[in-house]
C-alpha atoms as a PDB file:
ATOM      1  CA  UNK A   1     289.700-111.361 281.304  1.00  0.00           C
ATOM      2  CA  UNK A   2     288.916-107.770 281.866  1.00  0.00           C
ATOM      3  CA  UNK A   3     290.917-105.700 278.774  1.00  0.00           C
ATOM      4  CA  UNK A   4     291.122-102.195 279.731  1.00  0.00           C
ATOM      5  CA  UNK A   5     289.066-101.162 276.179  1.00  0.00           C
ATOM      6  CA  UNK A   6     286.183-102.718 277.547  1.00  0.00           C
ATOM      7  CA  UNK A   7     286.703-101.390 280.555  1.00  0.00           C
ATOM      8  CA  UNK A   8     286.856 -97.744 279.443  1.00  0.00           C
ATOM      9  CA  UNK A   9     283.661 -97.843 277.105  1.00  0.00           C
ATOM     10  CA  UNK A  10     281.490 -99.643 280.093  1.00  0.00           C
ATOM     11  CA  UNK A  11     283.332 -96.863 282.666  1.00  0.00           C
ATOM     12  CA  UNK A  12     282.184 -94.009 280.318  1.00  0.00           C
ATOM     13  CA  UNK A  13     278.933 -95.411 279.532  1.00  0.00           C
ATOM     14  CA  UNK A  14     277.997 -95.914 282.936  1.00  0.00           C
ATOM     15  CA  UNK A  15     279.037 -92.193 283.806  1.00  0.00           C
ATOM     16  CA  UNK A  16     277.589 -90.572 281.103  1.00  0.00           C
ATOM     17  CA  UNK A  17     274.736 -93.042 280.623  1.00  0.00           C
ATOM     18  CA  UNK A  18     272.740 -91.261 283.681  1.00  0.00           C
ATOM     19  CA  UNK A  19     272.279 -88.084 280.880  1.00  0.00           C
ATOM     20  CA  UNK A  20     270.053 -90.303 278.852  1.00  0.00           C
ATOM     21  CA  UNK A  21     268.495 -92.340 281.688  1.00  0.00           C
ATOM     22  CA  UNK A  22     267.717 -88.601 283.779  1.00  0.00           C
ATOM     23  CA  UNK A  23     265.995 -87.821 279.553  1.00  0.00           C
ATOM     24  CA  UNK A  24     264.153 -90.911 278.731  1.00  0.00           C
ATOM     25  CA  UNK A  25     262.662 -91.308 282.401  1.00  0.00           C
ATOM     26  CA  UNK A  26     259.789 -88.209 282.340  1.00  0.00           C
ATOM     27  CA  UNK A  27     259.275 -89.105 278.392  1.00  0.00           C
ATOM     28  CA  UNK A  28     256.431 -91.699 279.183  1.00  0.00           C
ATOM     29  CA  UNK A  29     255.941 -93.142 275.694  1.00  0.00           C
ATOM     30  CA  UNK A  30     260.111 -94.442 275.456  1.00  0.00           C
ATOM     31  CA  UNK A  31     259.088 -97.155 278.353  1.00  0.00           C
ATOM     32  CA  UNK A  32     260.232-100.178 277.115  1.00  0.00           C
ATOM     33  CA  UNK A  33     263.696 -98.349 275.386  1.00  0.00           C
ATOM     34  CA  UNK A  34     263.767 -96.988 278.870  1.00  0.00           C
ATOM     35  CA  UNK A  35     264.048-100.509 280.635  1.00  0.00           C
ATOM     36  CA  UNK A  36     266.887-101.785 277.706  1.00  0.00           C
ATOM     37  CA  UNK A  37     268.960 -98.969 278.026  1.00  0.00           C
ATOM     38  CA  UNK A  38     268.868 -99.001 282.188  1.00  0.00           C
ATOM     39  CA  UNK A  39     269.560-102.925 282.083  1.00  0.00           C
ATOM     40  CA  UNK A  40     272.751-102.639 279.772  1.00  0.00           C
ATOM     41  CA  UNK A  41     273.735 -99.382 281.845  1.00  0.00           C
ATOM     42  CA  UNK A  42     273.340-102.227 285.154  1.00  0.00           C
ATOM     43  CA  UNK A  43     275.626-104.873 282.977  1.00  0.00           C
ATOM     44  CA  UNK A  44     278.218-102.347 282.140  1.00  0.00           C
ATOM     45  CA  UNK A  45     278.439-101.076 285.884  1.00  0.00           C
ATOM     46  CA  UNK A  46     278.412-104.951 286.958  1.00  0.00           C
ATOM     47  CA  UNK A  47     281.104-105.116 284.954  1.00  0.00           C
ATOM     48  CA  UNK A  48     283.023-102.564 286.155  1.00  0.00           C
ATOM     49  CA  UNK A  49     282.361-103.545 289.926  1.00  0.00           C
ATOM     50  CA  UNK A  50     283.488-107.299 288.939  1.00  0.00           C
ATOM     51  CA  UNK A  51     286.272-105.496 287.155  1.00  0.00           C
ATOM     52  CA  UNK A  52     287.828-103.677 289.594  1.00  0.00           C
ATOM     53  CA  UNK A  53     287.457-106.835 292.079  1.00  0.00           C
ATOM     54  CA  UNK A  54     289.738-108.692 289.985  1.00  0.00           C
ATOM     55  CA  UNK A  55     292.311-105.568 289.735  1.00  0.00           C
ATOM     56  CA  UNK A  56     292.460-105.576 293.343  1.00  0.00           C
ATOM     57  CA  UNK A  57     293.992-108.759 293.206  1.00  0.00           C
ATOM     58  CA  UNK A  58     295.989-108.345 289.976  1.00  0.00           C
ATOM     59  CA  UNK A  59     296.966-104.605 289.999  1.00  0.00           C
ATOM     60  CA  UNK A  60     300.893-103.898 289.761  1.00  0.00           C
ATOM     61  CA  UNK A  61     301.026 -99.894 290.098  1.00  0.00           C
ATOM     62  CA  UNK A  62     302.928 -98.499 287.266  1.00  0.00           C
ATOM     63  CA  UNK A  63     304.290 -96.039 289.280  1.00  0.00           C
ATOM     64  CA  UNK A  64     305.505 -98.566 292.009  1.00  0.00           C
ATOM     65  CA  UNK A  65     309.191 -98.609 290.597  1.00  0.00           C
ATOM     66  CA  UNK A  66     309.456 -95.160 290.284  1.00  0.00           C
ATOM     67  CA  UNK A  67     312.008 -93.049 292.318  1.00  0.00           C
ATOM     68  CA  UNK A  68     310.914 -90.233 294.864  1.00  0.00           C
ATOM     69  CA  UNK A  69     312.396 -87.961 292.398  1.00  0.00           C
ATOM     70  CA  UNK A  70     310.656 -88.914 289.158  1.00  0.00           C
ATOM     71  CA  UNK A  71     307.286 -88.855 291.673  1.00  0.00           C
ATOM     72  CA  UNK A  72     307.696 -85.520 292.563  1.00  0.00           C
ATOM     73  CA  UNK A  73     308.122 -83.741 289.216  1.00  0.00           C
ATOM     74  CA  UNK A  74     304.712 -85.988 287.856  1.00  0.00           C
ATOM     75  CA  UNK A  75     303.164 -84.344 291.193  1.00  0.00           C
ATOM     76  CA  UNK A  76     304.662 -80.811 290.528  1.00  0.00           C
ATOM     77  CA  UNK A  77     302.846 -80.661 287.142  1.00  0.00           C
ATOM     78  CA  UNK A  78     299.519 -79.386 286.806  1.00  0.00           C
ATOM     79  CA  UNK A  79     297.240 -81.279 289.076  1.00  0.00           C
ATOM     80  CA  UNK A  80     299.878 -84.228 288.341  1.00  0.00           C
ATOM     81  CA  UNK A  81     299.264 -85.212 292.161  1.00  0.00           C
ATOM     82  CA  UNK A  82     295.628 -85.775 291.385  1.00  0.00           C
ATOM     83  CA  UNK A  83     296.802 -87.889 288.668  1.00  0.00           C
ATOM     84  CA  UNK A  84     299.262 -89.798 290.701  1.00  0.00           C
ATOM     85  CA  UNK A  85     296.584 -91.039 293.483  1.00  0.00           C
ATOM     86  CA  UNK A  86     293.637 -91.779 290.910  1.00  0.00           C
ATOM     87  CA  UNK A  87     296.473 -94.544 288.761  1.00  0.00           C
ATOM     88  CA  UNK A  88     297.301 -95.767 292.328  1.00  0.00           C
ATOM     89  CA  UNK A  89     294.181 -96.349 293.587  1.00  0.00           C
ATOM     90  CA  UNK A  90     292.119 -97.300 290.264  1.00  0.00           C
ATOM     91  CA  UNK A  91     291.064-100.744 291.108  1.00  0.00           C
ATOM     92  CA  UNK A  92     289.114 -99.935 293.991  1.00  0.00           C
ATOM     93  CA  UNK A  93     287.940 -96.307 292.468  1.00  0.00           C
ATOM     94  CA  UNK A  94     286.708 -98.755 290.169  1.00  0.00           C
ATOM     95  CA  UNK A  95     285.068-101.317 292.600  1.00  0.00           C
ATOM     96  CA  UNK A  96     283.315 -98.629 294.267  1.00  0.00           C
ATOM     97  CA  UNK A  97     281.857 -96.462 291.133  1.00  0.00           C
ATOM     98  CA  UNK A  98     280.204 -99.896 290.004  1.00  0.00           C
ATOM     99  CA  UNK A  99     278.993-100.812 292.702  1.00  0.00           C
ATOM    100  CA  UNK A 100     276.885 -96.922 293.495  1.00  0.00           C
ATOM    101  CA  UNK A 101     275.869 -96.834 289.794  1.00  0.00           C
ATOM    102  CA  UNK A 102     275.038-100.198 289.781  1.00  0.00           C
ATOM    103  CA  UNK A 103     272.607 -99.457 292.836  1.00  0.00           C
ATOM    104  CA  UNK A 104     271.709 -96.226 290.960  1.00  0.00           C
ATOM    105  CA  UNK A 105     270.700 -97.683 287.664  1.00  0.00           C
ATOM    106  CA  UNK A 106     268.938-100.631 289.697  1.00  0.00           C
ATOM    107  CA  UNK A 107     266.933 -98.210 292.074  1.00  0.00           C
ATOM    108  CA  UNK A 108     265.791 -96.280 288.308  1.00  0.00           C
ATOM    109  CA  UNK A 109     264.578 -99.279 286.549  1.00  0.00           C
ATOM    110  CA  UNK A 110     262.838-100.827 289.719  1.00  0.00           C
ATOM    111  CA  UNK A 111     261.259 -97.206 289.824  1.00  0.00           C
ATOM    112  CA  UNK A 112     260.169 -97.243 286.569  1.00  0.00           C
ATOM    113  CA  UNK A 113     258.911-101.365 286.050  1.00  0.00           C
END
């Protein structure tokens, strides 16, 4: 139900959309555009939250079958251990990310309404 392509777009939009929100927040003449963009970003963040919840129940760690030797080689590379941690806990990271950014965008929308 939650495709990887759409999740990628929504995660990146939620992450970098805050810069657009900060810019439009200070412009009084762009009030309607600000509200529309914040609502879109809020929907993206909610989508991320539910995508993360869905993955928590269906997630199969792609590195679960890797031998300790393979994991060790991957971790020995530059920042490899950090990437492996992100892959292993991605559903939880996505759920928390979606919840936090939903709160941020909702607060921005309510403050300006």
